[in-house]
Amino acid sequence: MAVWIAAASQAANLSRLSSPKTASTAQAASLIHWCGLAGRGDHHGPPKVNFWQDQIHPSRWKEEQFVIVSITGWGLLFLWRLQVLH
């Protein structure tokens, strides 16, 4: 979704730049540069790794892999609990 937002803002900025009302090329360049940074991931903190490369530290895992592993873990716990109670 962030990619779509970034593409839409870039298209809006480009259409603004192509109109005859643009003030200067320096301002236009700053708009394009600012738009180019939109929609990029969070670059703060340590780089994210695959869960099989650092199994002990879930905070370093990629977000989508953390979700998959978490849901799988909860599912296995639920199924195990059903087997025990049944």
Protein backbone atom coordinates (compact mmCIF):
# COMPACT_ATOMS: atom_id res chain seq x y z
CA MET A 1 0.00 0.00 0.00
CA ALA A 2 2.87 2.36 0.75
CA VAL A 3 4.16 1.82 -2.77
CA TRP A 4 0.79 2.90 -4.21
CA ILE A 5 0.76 6.01 -2.03
CA ALA A 6 4.30 6.90 -3.07
CA ALA A 7 3.46 6.38 -6.75
CA ALA A 8 0.30 8.50 -6.46
CA SER A 9 2.16 11.35 -4.73
CA GLN A 10 4.92 11.22 -7.30
CA ALA A 11 2.37 11.39 -10.12
CA ALA A 12 0.68 14.35 -8.41
CA ASN A 13 4.02 16.11 -7.99
CA LEU A 14 4.95 15.46 -11.62
CA SER A 15 1.63 16.85 -12.81
CA ARG A 16 2.19 19.92 -10.64
CA LEU A 17 5.67 20.30 -12.09
CA SER A 18 4.42 20.10 -15.65
CA SER A 19 1.87 22.88 -15.08
CA PRO A 20 2.91 26.45 -16.05
CA LYS A 21 2.66 27.63 -12.41
CA THR A 22 5.96 26.09 -11.22
CA ALA A 23 8.16 28.59 -9.40
CA SER A 24 11.67 27.33 -10.01
CA THR A 25 13.58 24.21 -10.94
CA ALA A 26 15.21 24.09 -7.50
CA GLN A 27 11.80 23.86 -5.86
CA ALA A 28 10.76 21.20 -8.35
CA ALA A 29 13.88 19.15 -7.63
CA SER A 30 13.21 19.34 -3.90
CA LEU A 31 9.64 18.08 -4.42
CA ILE A 32 10.82 15.11 -6.47
CA HIS A 33 13.58 14.31 -3.94
CA TRP A 34 11.11 14.45 -1.03
CA CYS A 35 8.64 12.24 -2.85
CA GLY A 36 11.36 9.72 -3.62
CA LEU A 37 11.84 9.11 0.09
CA ALA A 38 8.16 8.46 0.77
CA GLY A 39 7.05 4.90 1.27
CA ARG A 40 10.45 3.45 2.07
CA GLY A 41 10.70 1.15 5.09
CA ASP A 42 11.80 2.12 8.56
CA HIS A 43 15.57 2.50 8.45
CA HIS A 44 16.09 2.92 12.18
CA GLY A 45 17.64 0.20 14.27
CA PRO A 46 19.46 -2.97 13.25
CA PRO A 47 18.76 -4.55 9.86
CA LYS A 48 16.05 -7.22 9.79
CA VAL A 49 17.10 -10.82 9.17
CA ASN A 50 15.34 -14.06 8.26
CA PHE A 51 14.04 -15.95 11.30
CA TRP A 52 16.19 -19.01 10.57
CA GLN A 53 19.35 -16.87 10.69
CA ASP A 54 18.71 -15.52 14.22
CA GLN A 55 16.18 -17.74 15.97
CA ILE A 56 16.85 -16.41 19.47
CA HIS A 57 15.98 -12.72 18.83
CA PRO A 58 12.46 -12.26 17.36
CA SER A 59 12.88 -8.46 17.45
CA ARG A 60 15.44 -8.78 14.62
CA TRP A 61 13.17 -10.86 12.36
CA LYS A 62 11.48 -9.47 9.29
CA GLU A 63 7.96 -8.38 10.18
CA GLU A 64 6.10 -10.71 7.83
CA GLN A 65 8.14 -13.72 9.02
CA PHE A 66 7.45 -12.78 12.64
CA VAL A 67 3.71 -12.81 11.90
CA ILE A 68 3.88 -16.20 10.14
CA VAL A 69 5.92 -17.80 12.95
CA SER A 70 3.67 -16.29 15.64
CA ILE A 71 0.43 -17.47 14.00
CA THR A 72 1.92 -20.93 13.42
CA GLY A 73 3.00 -21.14 17.06
CA TRP A 74 -0.42 -20.12 18.35
CA GLY A 75 -2.08 -22.62 15.99
CA LEU A 76 0.13 -25.45 17.18
CA LEU A 77 -0.53 -24.52 20.81
CA PHE A 78 -4.28 -24.49 20.14
CA LEU A 79 -4.22 -27.87 18.37
CA TRP A 80 -2.05 -29.40 21.11
CA ARG A 81 -4.46 -28.09 23.74
CA LEU A 82 -7.40 -29.63 21.86
CA GLN A 83 -5.61 -33.01 21.80
CA VAL A 84 -4.89 -32.86 25.53
CA LEU A 85 -8.48 -31.96 26.50
CA HIS A 86 -10.11 -34.39 24.11
